[in-house]
């Protein structure tokens, strides 16, 4: 399944990137339905780095529902554009290819 979504954010490109690159945003977006409990490394970084993160998934933060590997890469980057990719996998979803593209526009970013 392919899903595309675009949102205009009235903030500078740097601010948008600063927020999207945080592991805190993953936890915020997934909660309260799912919690990602890190295994390797034992804690998530403040900002994503290009590497693999393995963790357990918990439904409502309590019920174990499998494992998930987050595989972060940055396929493309410039002063006004960046792509962040999670080409991960897990026990619930065999392949998770999540590409986030941020582009600077007049008055904000998309």
Protein backbone atom coordinates (compact mmCIF):
# COMPACT_ATOMS: atom_id res chain seq x y z
CA UNK A 1 0.00 0.00 0.00
CA UNK A 2 1.26 3.48 -0.85
CA UNK A 3 0.01 6.47 1.10
CA UNK A 4 1.09 10.04 0.36
CA UNK A 5 0.31 12.94 2.65
CA UNK A 6 1.42 16.55 2.44
CA UNK A 7 1.16 19.24 5.11
CA UNK A 8 2.19 22.89 5.01
CA UNK A 9 3.85 24.04 8.23
CA UNK A 10 4.25 27.79 8.75
CA UNK A 11 7.75 27.56 10.22
CA UNK A 12 11.32 27.76 8.89
CA UNK A 13 12.80 24.68 7.23
CA UNK A 14 15.38 24.28 10.02
CA UNK A 15 12.68 24.20 12.72
CA UNK A 16 10.64 21.63 10.81
CA UNK A 17 13.70 19.41 10.38
CA UNK A 18 14.62 19.85 14.05
CA UNK A 19 11.22 18.51 15.15
CA UNK A 20 10.83 15.72 12.58
CA UNK A 21 14.29 14.35 13.35
CA UNK A 22 13.45 13.67 17.01
CA UNK A 23 12.61 10.23 18.34
CA UNK A 24 10.20 12.04 20.69
CA UNK A 25 7.91 12.72 17.71
CA UNK A 26 7.65 8.96 16.96
CA UNK A 27 6.55 8.25 20.52
CA UNK A 28 4.08 11.15 20.42
CA UNK A 29 2.53 10.11 17.09
CA UNK A 30 2.20 6.44 18.07
CA UNK A 31 0.76 6.99 21.54
CA UNK A 32 -1.44 6.06 23.22
CA UNK A 33 -2.11 3.16 20.82
CA UNK A 34 1.45 1.85 20.52
CA UNK A 35 4.66 2.37 22.47
CA UNK A 36 8.12 1.59 21.09
CA UNK A 37 10.37 0.22 23.85
CA UNK A 38 14.03 0.33 22.75
CA UNK A 39 16.15 -2.84 22.97
CA UNK A 40 19.26 -2.10 20.89
CA UNK A 41 20.53 0.45 21.56
CA UNK A 42 18.88 0.48 25.01
CA UNK A 43 17.66 4.07 24.58
CA UNK A 44 16.51 6.09 21.59
CA UNK A 45 18.65 9.08 20.68
CA UNK A 46 17.29 12.59 21.06
CA UNK A 47 17.73 12.97 17.28
CA UNK A 48 17.65 10.07 14.81
CA UNK A 49 21.00 8.97 13.43
CA UNK A 50 21.63 6.83 10.37
CA UNK A 51 21.51 3.37 11.94
CA UNK A 52 19.15 0.58 13.04
CA UNK A 53 17.09 0.71 16.22
CA UNK A 54 15.46 -2.48 17.49
CA UNK A 55 12.61 -2.40 19.94
CA UNK A 56 9.50 -4.06 21.27
CA UNK A 57 6.02 -2.81 20.49
CA UNK A 58 3.44 -2.57 23.23
CA UNK A 59 -0.25 -2.01 22.59
CA UNK A 60 -1.48 0.78 24.88
CA UNK A 61 2.03 0.74 26.35
CA UNK A 62 1.27 -2.54 28.14
CA UNK A 63 0.48 -5.55 25.91
CA UNK A 64 3.48 -6.97 23.97
CA UNK A 65 2.65 -7.15 20.25
CA UNK A 66 6.00 -7.89 18.61
CA UNK A 67 9.30 -6.40 17.59
CA UNK A 68 10.13 -3.57 15.23
CA UNK A 69 13.37 -2.49 13.59
CA UNK A 70 13.64 1.16 12.62
CA UNK A 71 16.30 1.60 9.92
CA UNK A 72 17.09 5.30 9.47
CA UNK A 73 18.86 6.73 6.41
CA UNK A 74 19.10 10.12 4.70
CA UNK A 75 18.89 9.45 0.94
CA UNK A 76 18.94 13.12 -0.08
CA UNK A 77 19.84 16.44 1.54
CA UNK A 78 20.43 20.09 0.56
CA UNK A 79 20.02 23.49 2.20
CA UNK A 80 16.29 23.55 1.38
CA UNK A 81 15.33 19.88 1.07
CA UNK A 82 15.84 16.65 3.00
CA UNK A 83 14.56 13.09 2.84
CA UNK A 84 14.50 10.95 5.99
CA UNK A 85 13.78 7.28 5.41
CA UNK A 86 12.79 4.46 7.74
CA UNK A 87 13.22 1.28 5.75
CA UNK A 88 12.34 -0.91 8.70
CA UNK A 89 10.55 -4.17 9.38
CA UNK A 90 9.02 -6.10 12.20
CA UNK A 91 6.84 -8.94 13.36
CA UNK A 92 3.58 -7.09 12.56
CA UNK A 93 4.68 -5.42 9.32
CA UNK A 94 7.22 -7.27 7.19
CA UNK A 95 8.34 -4.12 5.34
CA UNK A 96 7.93 -0.51 6.43
CA UNK A 97 9.31 1.95 3.88
CA UNK A 98 8.50 5.35 5.33
CA UNK A 99 9.93 8.36 3.46
CA UNK A 100 9.58 11.84 4.96
CA UNK A 101 10.43 14.69 2.61
CA UNK A 102 10.76 18.25 3.88
CA UNK A 103 11.05 21.13 1.40
CA UNK A 104 11.44 24.82 2.11
CA UNK A 105 8.68 26.97 0.56
CA UNK A 106 7.65 30.61 0.75
CA UNK A 107 6.45 31.19 4.28
CA UNK A 108 7.19 27.73 5.65
CA UNK A 109 7.90 24.15 4.66
CA UNK A 110 6.08 21.18 3.16
